[in-house]
């Protein structure tokens, strides 16, 4: 983000700034996908194996996280 801010301050060409922002968004979405997958593979899976109220809470959290993630598009 600092790079985009610097580009704006330096009055870089608008299309170049938009290209940089697009790259940032794409990279952020990839990282978010990895974090979401890791959360499912570890936190949610462990809670489901343990069962009980914690499992229900983790599933609810996962549902909310997926809803937030989908709204990124």
PDB file of N, CA and C in Angstrom:
ATOM      1  N   UNK A   1       0.826  -1.193   0.000  1.00  0.00           N
ATOM      2  CA  UNK A   1       0.000   0.000   0.000  1.00  0.00           C
ATOM      3  C   UNK A   1       0.869   1.254   0.000  1.00  0.00           C
ATOM      4  N   UNK A   2       2.009   1.160   0.659  1.00  0.00           N
ATOM      5  CA  UNK A   2       2.889   2.339   0.666  1.00  0.00           C
ATOM      6  C   UNK A   2       3.353   2.688  -0.738  1.00  0.00           C
ATOM      7  N   UNK A   3       3.561   1.639  -1.545  1.00  0.00           N
ATOM      8  CA  UNK A   3       3.971   1.877  -2.921  1.00  0.00           C
ATOM      9  C   UNK A   3       2.915   2.626  -3.702  1.00  0.00           C
ATOM     10  N   UNK A   4       1.647   2.256  -3.492  1.00  0.00           N
ATOM     11  CA  UNK A   4       0.545   2.956  -4.165  1.00  0.00           C
ATOM     12  C   UNK A   4       0.478   4.389  -3.668  1.00  0.00           C
ATOM     13  N   UNK A   5       0.607   4.570  -2.361  1.00  0.00           N
ATOM     14  CA  UNK A   5       0.572   5.918  -1.799  1.00  0.00           C
ATOM     15  C   UNK A   5       1.698   6.770  -2.395  1.00  0.00           C
ATOM     16  N   UNK A   6       2.892   6.185  -2.501  1.00  0.00           N
ATOM     17  CA  UNK A   6       4.021   6.908  -3.074  1.00  0.00           C
ATOM     18  C   UNK A   6       3.754   7.258  -4.538  1.00  0.00           C
ATOM     19  N   UNK A   7       3.163   6.311  -5.268  1.00  0.00           N
ATOM     20  CA  UNK A   7       2.842   6.574  -6.672  1.00  0.00           C
ATOM     21  C   UNK A   7       1.872   7.753  -6.794  1.00  0.00           C
ATOM     22  N   UNK A   8       0.891   7.791  -5.909  1.00  0.00           N
ATOM     23  CA  UNK A   8      -0.082   8.891  -5.938  1.00  0.00           C
ATOM     24  C   UNK A   8       0.601  10.204  -5.605  1.00  0.00           C
ATOM     25  N   UNK A   9       1.427  10.186  -4.553  1.00  0.00           N
ATOM     26  CA  UNK A   9       2.149  11.401  -4.164  1.00  0.00           C
ATOM     27  C   UNK A   9       3.066  11.896  -5.265  1.00  0.00           C
ATOM     28  N   UNK A  10       3.642  10.969  -6.013  1.00  0.00           N
ATOM     29  CA  UNK A  10       4.547  11.328  -7.099  1.00  0.00           C
ATOM     30  C   UNK A  10       3.807  11.582  -8.407  1.00  0.00           C
ATOM     31  N   UNK A  11       2.470  11.532  -8.326  1.00  0.00           N
ATOM     32  CA  UNK A  11       1.599  11.778  -9.471  1.00  0.00           C
ATOM     33  C   UNK A  11       1.918  10.852 -10.646  1.00  0.00           C
ATOM     34  N   UNK A  12       2.067   9.582 -10.327  1.00  0.00           N
ATOM     35  CA  UNK A  12       2.289   8.589 -11.376  1.00  0.00           C
ATOM     36  C   UNK A  12       1.056   8.517 -12.275  1.00  0.00           C
ATOM     37  N   UNK A  13       1.237   7.913 -13.426  1.00  0.00           N
ATOM     38  CA  UNK A  13       0.158   7.757 -14.398  1.00  0.00           C
ATOM     39  C   UNK A  13      -0.964   6.917 -13.780  1.00  0.00           C
ATOM     40  N   UNK A  14      -2.198   7.378 -13.907  1.00  0.00           N
ATOM     41  CA  UNK A  14      -3.356   6.751 -13.271  1.00  0.00           C
ATOM     42  C   UNK A  14      -3.482   5.265 -13.596  1.00  0.00           C
ATOM     43  N   UNK A  15      -3.248   4.902 -14.838  1.00  0.00           N
ATOM     44  CA  UNK A  15      -3.364   3.503 -15.234  1.00  0.00           C
ATOM     45  C   UNK A  15      -2.315   2.660 -14.511  1.00  0.00           C
ATOM     46  N   UNK A  16      -1.129   3.200 -14.315  1.00  0.00           N
ATOM     47  CA  UNK A  16      -0.094   2.475 -13.584  1.00  0.00           C
ATOM     48  C   UNK A  16      -0.499   2.279 -12.121  1.00  0.00           C
ATOM     49  N   UNK A  17      -1.114   3.277 -11.529  1.00  0.00           N
ATOM     50  CA  UNK A  17      -1.596   3.166 -10.147  1.00  0.00           C
ATOM     51  C   UNK A  17      -2.684   2.106 -10.063  1.00  0.00           C
ATOM     52  N   UNK A  18      -3.610   2.125 -10.995  1.00  0.00           N
ATOM     53  CA  UNK A  18      -4.681   1.122 -11.006  1.00  0.00           C
ATOM     54  C   UNK A  18      -4.135  -0.284 -11.200  1.00  0.00           C
ATOM     55  N   UNK A  19      -3.126  -0.426 -12.027  1.00  0.00           N
ATOM     56  CA  UNK A  19      -2.494  -1.730 -12.227  1.00  0.00           C
ATOM     57  C   UNK A  19      -1.867  -2.215 -10.922  1.00  0.00           C
ATOM     58  N   UNK A  20      -1.205  -1.330 -10.218  1.00  0.00           N
ATOM     59  CA  UNK A  20      -0.588  -1.690  -8.941  1.00  0.00           C
ATOM     60  C   UNK A  20      -1.650  -2.075  -7.916  1.00  0.00           C
ATOM     61  N   UNK A  21      -2.761  -1.348  -7.860  1.00  0.00           N
ATOM     62  CA  UNK A  21      -3.854  -1.658  -6.943  1.00  0.00           C
ATOM     63  C   UNK A  21      -4.446  -3.025  -7.284  1.00  0.00           C
ATOM     64  N   UNK A  22      -4.612  -3.304  -8.564  1.00  0.00           N
ATOM     65  CA  UNK A  22      -5.136  -4.596  -9.003  1.00  0.00           C
ATOM     66  C   UNK A  22      -4.218  -5.734  -8.548  1.00  0.00           C
ATOM     67  N   UNK A  23      -2.924  -5.532  -8.658  1.00  0.00           N
ATOM     68  CA  UNK A  23      -1.955  -6.542  -8.211  1.00  0.00           C
ATOM     69  C   UNK A  23      -2.057  -6.752  -6.709  1.00  0.00           C
ATOM     70  N   UNK A  24      -2.234  -5.679  -5.956  1.00  0.00           N
ATOM     71  CA  UNK A  24      -2.368  -5.764  -4.505  1.00  0.00           C
ATOM     72  C   UNK A  24      -3.627  -6.543  -4.130  1.00  0.00           C
ATOM     73  N   UNK A  25      -4.721  -6.261  -4.798  1.00  0.00           N
ATOM     74  CA  UNK A  25      -5.983  -6.966  -4.523  1.00  0.00           C
ATOM     75  C   UNK A  25      -5.838  -8.452  -4.815  1.00  0.00           C
ATOM     76  N   UNK A  26      -5.243  -8.783  -5.941  1.00  0.00           N
ATOM     77  CA  UNK A  26      -5.055 -10.185  -6.311  1.00  0.00           C
ATOM     78  C   UNK A  26      -4.197 -10.914  -5.291  1.00  0.00           C
ATOM     79  N   UNK A  27      -3.107 -10.311  -4.880  1.00  0.00           N
ATOM     80  CA  UNK A  27      -2.220 -10.936  -3.887  1.00  0.00           C
ATOM     81  C   UNK A  27      -2.941 -11.089  -2.549  1.00  0.00           C
ATOM     82  N   UNK A  28      -3.716 -10.105  -2.157  1.00  0.00           N
ATOM     83  CA  UNK A  28      -4.462 -10.165  -0.899  1.00  0.00           C
ATOM     84  C   UNK A  28      -5.483 -11.289  -0.916  1.00  0.00           C
ATOM     85  N   UNK A  29      -6.157 -11.469  -2.037  1.00  0.00           N
ATOM     86  CA  UNK A  29      -7.142 -12.540  -2.155  1.00  0.00           C
ATOM     87  C   UNK A  29      -6.470 -13.913  -2.072  1.00  0.00           C
ATOM     88  N   UNK A  30      -5.285 -14.036  -2.660  1.00  0.00           N
ATOM     89  CA  UNK A  30      -4.563 -15.308  -2.586  1.00  0.00           C
ATOM     90  C   UNK A  30      -4.154 -15.622  -1.151  1.00  0.00           C
ATOM     91  N   UNK A  31      -3.675 -14.622  -0.439  1.00  0.00           N
ATOM     92  CA  UNK A  31      -3.293 -14.823   0.959  1.00  0.00           C
ATOM     93  C   UNK A  31      -4.525 -15.174   1.784  1.00  0.00           C
ATOM     94  N   UNK A  32      -5.633 -14.473   1.559  1.00  0.00           N
ATOM     95  CA  UNK A  32      -6.862 -14.763   2.292  1.00  0.00           C
ATOM     96  C   UNK A  32      -7.324 -16.193   2.044  1.00  0.00           C
ATOM     97  N   UNK A  33      -7.196 -16.659   0.816  1.00  0.00           N
ATOM     98  CA  UNK A  33      -7.572 -18.036   0.495  1.00  0.00           C
ATOM     99  C   UNK A  33      -6.710 -19.025   1.266  1.00  0.00           C
ATOM    100  N   UNK A  34      -5.419 -18.769   1.345  1.00  0.00           N
ATOM    101  CA  UNK A  34      -4.517 -19.651   2.090  1.00  0.00           C
ATOM    102  C   UNK A  34      -4.846 -19.655   3.578  1.00  0.00           C
ATOM    103  N   UNK A  35      -5.134 -18.495   4.137  1.00  0.00           N
ATOM    104  CA  UNK A  35      -5.479 -18.407   5.559  1.00  0.00           C
ATOM    105  C   UNK A  35      -6.790 -19.134   5.829  1.00  0.00           C
ATOM    106  N   UNK A  36      -7.774 -18.957   4.957  1.00  0.00           N
ATOM    107  CA  UNK A  36      -9.061 -19.629   5.119  1.00  0.00           C
ATOM    108  C   UNK A  36      -8.884 -21.144   5.055  1.00  0.00           C
ATOM    109  N   UNK A  37      -8.098 -21.611   4.097  1.00  0.00           N
ATOM    110  CA  UNK A  37      -7.841 -23.057   3.979  1.00  0.00           C
ATOM    111  C   UNK A  37      -7.133 -23.577   5.222  1.00  0.00           C
ATOM    112  N   UNK A  38      -6.145 -22.849   5.701  1.00  0.00           N
ATOM    113  CA  UNK A  38      -5.422 -23.259   6.899  1.00  0.00           C
ATOM    114  C   UNK A  38      -6.353 -23.319   8.106  1.00  0.00           C
ATOM    115  N   UNK A  39      -7.240 -22.359   8.214  1.00  0.00           N
ATOM    116  CA  UNK A  39      -8.206 -22.339   9.311  1.00  0.00           C
ATOM    117  C   UNK A  39      -9.101 -23.579   9.256  1.00  0.00           C
ATOM    118  N   UNK A  40      -9.555 -23.926   8.063  1.00  0.00           N
ATOM    119  CA  UNK A  40     -10.402 -25.117   7.924  1.00  0.00           C
ATOM    120  C   UNK A  40      -9.613 -26.388   8.246  1.00  0.00           C
ATOM    121  N   UNK A  41      -8.395 -26.468   7.726  1.00  0.00           N
ATOM    122  CA  UNK A  41      -7.585 -27.677   7.897  1.00  0.00           C
ATOM    123  C   UNK A  41      -7.143 -27.908   9.338  1.00  0.00           C
ATOM    124  N   UNK A  42      -7.005 -26.849  10.099  1.00  0.00           N
ATOM    125  CA  UNK A  42      -6.481 -27.000  11.449  1.00  0.00           C
ATOM    126  C   UNK A  42      -7.528 -26.683  12.522  1.00  0.00           C
ATOM    127  N   UNK A  43      -7.935 -25.439  12.604  1.00  0.00           N
ATOM    128  CA  UNK A  43      -8.825 -25.010  13.690  1.00  0.00           C
ATOM    129  C   UNK A  43     -10.187 -25.698  13.634  1.00  0.00           C
ATOM    130  N   UNK A  44     -10.812 -25.653  12.473  1.00  0.00           N
ATOM    131  CA  UNK A  44     -12.159 -26.225  12.348  1.00  0.00           C
ATOM    132  C   UNK A  44     -12.092 -27.752  12.464  1.00  0.00           C
ATOM    133  N   UNK A  45     -11.137 -28.356  11.783  1.00  0.00           N
ATOM    134  CA  UNK A  45     -11.003 -29.819  11.836  1.00  0.00           C
ATOM    135  C   UNK A  45     -10.780 -30.292  13.278  1.00  0.00           C
ATOM    136  N   UNK A  46      -9.907 -29.629  14.023  1.00  0.00           N
ATOM    137  CA  UNK A  46      -9.636 -30.014  15.412  1.00  0.00           C
ATOM    138  C   UNK A  46     -10.888 -29.853  16.275  1.00  0.00           C
ATOM    139  N   UNK A  47     -11.625 -28.772  16.067  1.00  0.00           N
ATOM    140  CA  UNK A  47     -12.845 -28.557  16.843  1.00  0.00           C
ATOM    141  C   UNK A  47     -13.886 -29.618  16.534  1.00  0.00           C
ATOM    142  N   UNK A  48     -14.003 -30.005  15.266  1.00  0.00           N
ATOM    143  CA  UNK A  48     -14.965 -31.042  14.899  1.00  0.00           C
ATOM    144  C   UNK A  48     -14.578 -32.396  15.495  1.00  0.00           C
ATOM    145  N   UNK A  49     -13.285 -32.676  15.519  1.00  0.00           N
ATOM    146  CA  UNK A  49     -12.832 -33.931  16.107  1.00  0.00           C
ATOM    147  C   UNK A  49     -13.108 -33.973  17.610  1.00  0.00           C
ATOM    148  N   UNK A  50     -12.986 -32.803  18.283  1.00  0.00           N
ATOM    149  CA  UNK A  50     -13.263 -32.724  19.722  1.00  0.00           C
ATOM    150  C   UNK A  50     -14.756 -32.727  20.006  1.00  0.00           C
ATOM    151  N   UNK A  51     -15.540 -32.196  19.061  1.00  0.00           N
ATOM    152  CA  UNK A  51     -16.994 -32.146  19.221  1.00  0.00           C
ATOM    153  C   UNK A  51     -17.436 -31.072  20.204  1.00  0.00           C
ATOM    154  N   UNK A  52     -18.709 -31.124  20.575  1.00  0.00           N
ATOM    155  CA  UNK A  52     -19.258 -30.202  21.563  1.00  0.00           C
ATOM    156  C   UNK A  52     -19.524 -28.811  21.032  1.00  0.00           C
ATOM    157  N   UNK A  53     -19.698 -27.894  21.984  1.00  0.00           N
ATOM    158  CA  UNK A  53     -20.052 -26.513  21.657  1.00  0.00           C
ATOM    159  C   UNK A  53     -18.951 -25.811  20.871  1.00  0.00           C
ATOM    160  N   UNK A  54     -17.700 -26.152  21.150  1.00  0.00           N
ATOM    161  CA  UNK A  54     -16.587 -25.533  20.419  1.00  0.00           C
ATOM    162  C   UNK A  54     -16.681 -25.834  18.930  1.00  0.00           C
ATOM    163  N   UNK A  55     -17.099 -27.034  18.572  1.00  0.00           N
ATOM    164  CA  UNK A  55     -17.242 -27.408  17.164  1.00  0.00           C
ATOM    165  C   UNK A  55     -18.308 -26.547  16.499  1.00  0.00           C
ATOM    166  N   UNK A  56     -19.425 -26.374  17.173  1.00  0.00           N
ATOM    167  CA  UNK A  56     -20.497 -25.541  16.620  1.00  0.00           C
ATOM    168  C   UNK A  56     -20.034 -24.104  16.445  1.00  0.00           C
ATOM    169  N   UNK A  57     -19.276 -23.600  17.414  1.00  0.00           N
ATOM    170  CA  UNK A  57     -18.753 -22.234  17.345  1.00  0.00           C
ATOM    171  C   UNK A  57     -17.790 -22.076  16.171  1.00  0.00           C
ATOM    172  N   UNK A  58     -16.909 -23.045  15.981  1.00  0.00           N
ATOM    173  CA  UNK A  58     -15.938 -22.971  14.880  1.00  0.00           C
ATOM    174  C   UNK A  58     -16.629 -23.043  13.519  1.00  0.00           C
ATOM    175  N   UNK A  59     -17.664 -23.838  13.403  1.00  0.00           N
ATOM    176  CA  UNK A  59     -18.412 -23.921  12.149  1.00  0.00           C
ATOM    177  C   UNK A  59     -19.103 -22.591  11.883  1.00  0.00           C
ATOM    178  N   UNK A  60     -19.685 -21.990  12.922  1.00  0.00           N
ATOM    179  CA  UNK A  60     -20.336 -20.682  12.767  1.00  0.00           C
ATOM    180  C   UNK A  60     -19.306 -19.624  12.344  1.00  0.00           C
ATOM    181  N   UNK A  61     -18.145 -19.636  12.989  1.00  0.00           N
ATOM    182  CA  UNK A  61     -17.084 -18.696  12.621  1.00  0.00           C
ATOM    183  C   UNK A  61     -16.655 -18.899  11.170  1.00  0.00           C
ATOM    184  N   UNK A  62     -16.548 -20.148  10.756  1.00  0.00           N
ATOM    185  CA  UNK A  62     -16.165 -20.447   9.378  1.00  0.00           C
ATOM    186  C   UNK A  62     -17.200 -19.903   8.399  1.00  0.00           C
ATOM    187  N   UNK A  63     -18.464 -20.112   8.697  1.00  0.00           N
ATOM    188  CA  UNK A  63     -19.525 -19.592   7.836  1.00  0.00           C
ATOM    189  C   UNK A  63     -19.419 -18.080   7.699  1.00  0.00           C
ATOM    190  N   UNK A  64     -19.209 -17.390   8.815  1.00  0.00           N
ATOM    191  CA  UNK A  64     -19.083 -15.930   8.778  1.00  0.00           C
ATOM    192  C   UNK A  64     -17.845 -15.493   8.008  1.00  0.00           C
ATOM    193  N   UNK A  65     -16.743 -16.215   8.187  1.00  0.00           N
ATOM    194  CA  UNK A  65     -15.515 -15.871   7.473  1.00  0.00           C
ATOM    195  C   UNK A  65     -15.690 -16.043   5.969  1.00  0.00           C
ATOM    196  N   UNK A  66     -16.349 -17.122   5.563  1.00  0.00           N
ATOM    197  CA  UNK A  66     -16.588 -17.351   4.134  1.00  0.00           C
ATOM    198  C   UNK A  66     -17.486 -16.258   3.578  1.00  0.00           C
ATOM    199  N   UNK A  67     -18.513 -15.879   4.313  1.00  0.00           N
ATOM    200  CA  UNK A  67     -19.395 -14.798   3.850  1.00  0.00           C
ATOM    201  C   UNK A  67     -18.609 -13.492   3.666  1.00  0.00           C
ATOM    202  N   UNK A  68     -17.740 -13.168   4.619  1.00  0.00           N
ATOM    203  CA  UNK A  68     -16.911 -11.951   4.483  1.00  0.00           C
ATOM    204  C   UNK A  68     -15.977 -12.068   3.296  1.00  0.00           C
ATOM    205  N   UNK A  69     -15.386 -13.242   3.120  1.00  0.00           N
ATOM    206  CA  UNK A  69     -14.444 -13.461   2.034  1.00  0.00           C
ATOM    207  C   UNK A  69     -15.126 -13.312   0.682  1.00  0.00           C
ATOM    208  N   UNK A  70     -16.310 -13.863   0.554  1.00  0.00           N
ATOM    209  CA  UNK A  70     -17.054 -13.781  -0.706  1.00  0.00           C
ATOM    210  C   UNK A  70     -17.380 -12.327  -1.045  1.00  0.00           C
ATOM    211  N   UNK A  71     -17.632 -11.519  -0.058  1.00  0.00           N
ATOM    212  CA  UNK A  71     -17.970 -10.111  -0.289  1.00  0.00           C
ATOM    213  C   UNK A  71     -16.784  -9.306  -0.794  1.00  0.00           C
ATOM    214  N   UNK A  72     -15.575  -9.889  -0.767  1.00  0.00           N
ATOM    215  CA  UNK A  72     -14.409  -9.200  -1.291  1.00  0.00           C
ATOM    216  C   UNK A  72     -14.505  -8.973  -2.789  1.00  0.00           C
ATOM    217  N   UNK A  73     -15.210  -9.852  -3.479  1.00  0.00           N
ATOM    218  CA  UNK A  73     -15.279  -9.768  -4.955  1.00  0.00           C
ATOM    219  C   UNK A  73     -16.125  -8.638  -5.422  1.00  0.00           C
TER     220      UNK A  73
END
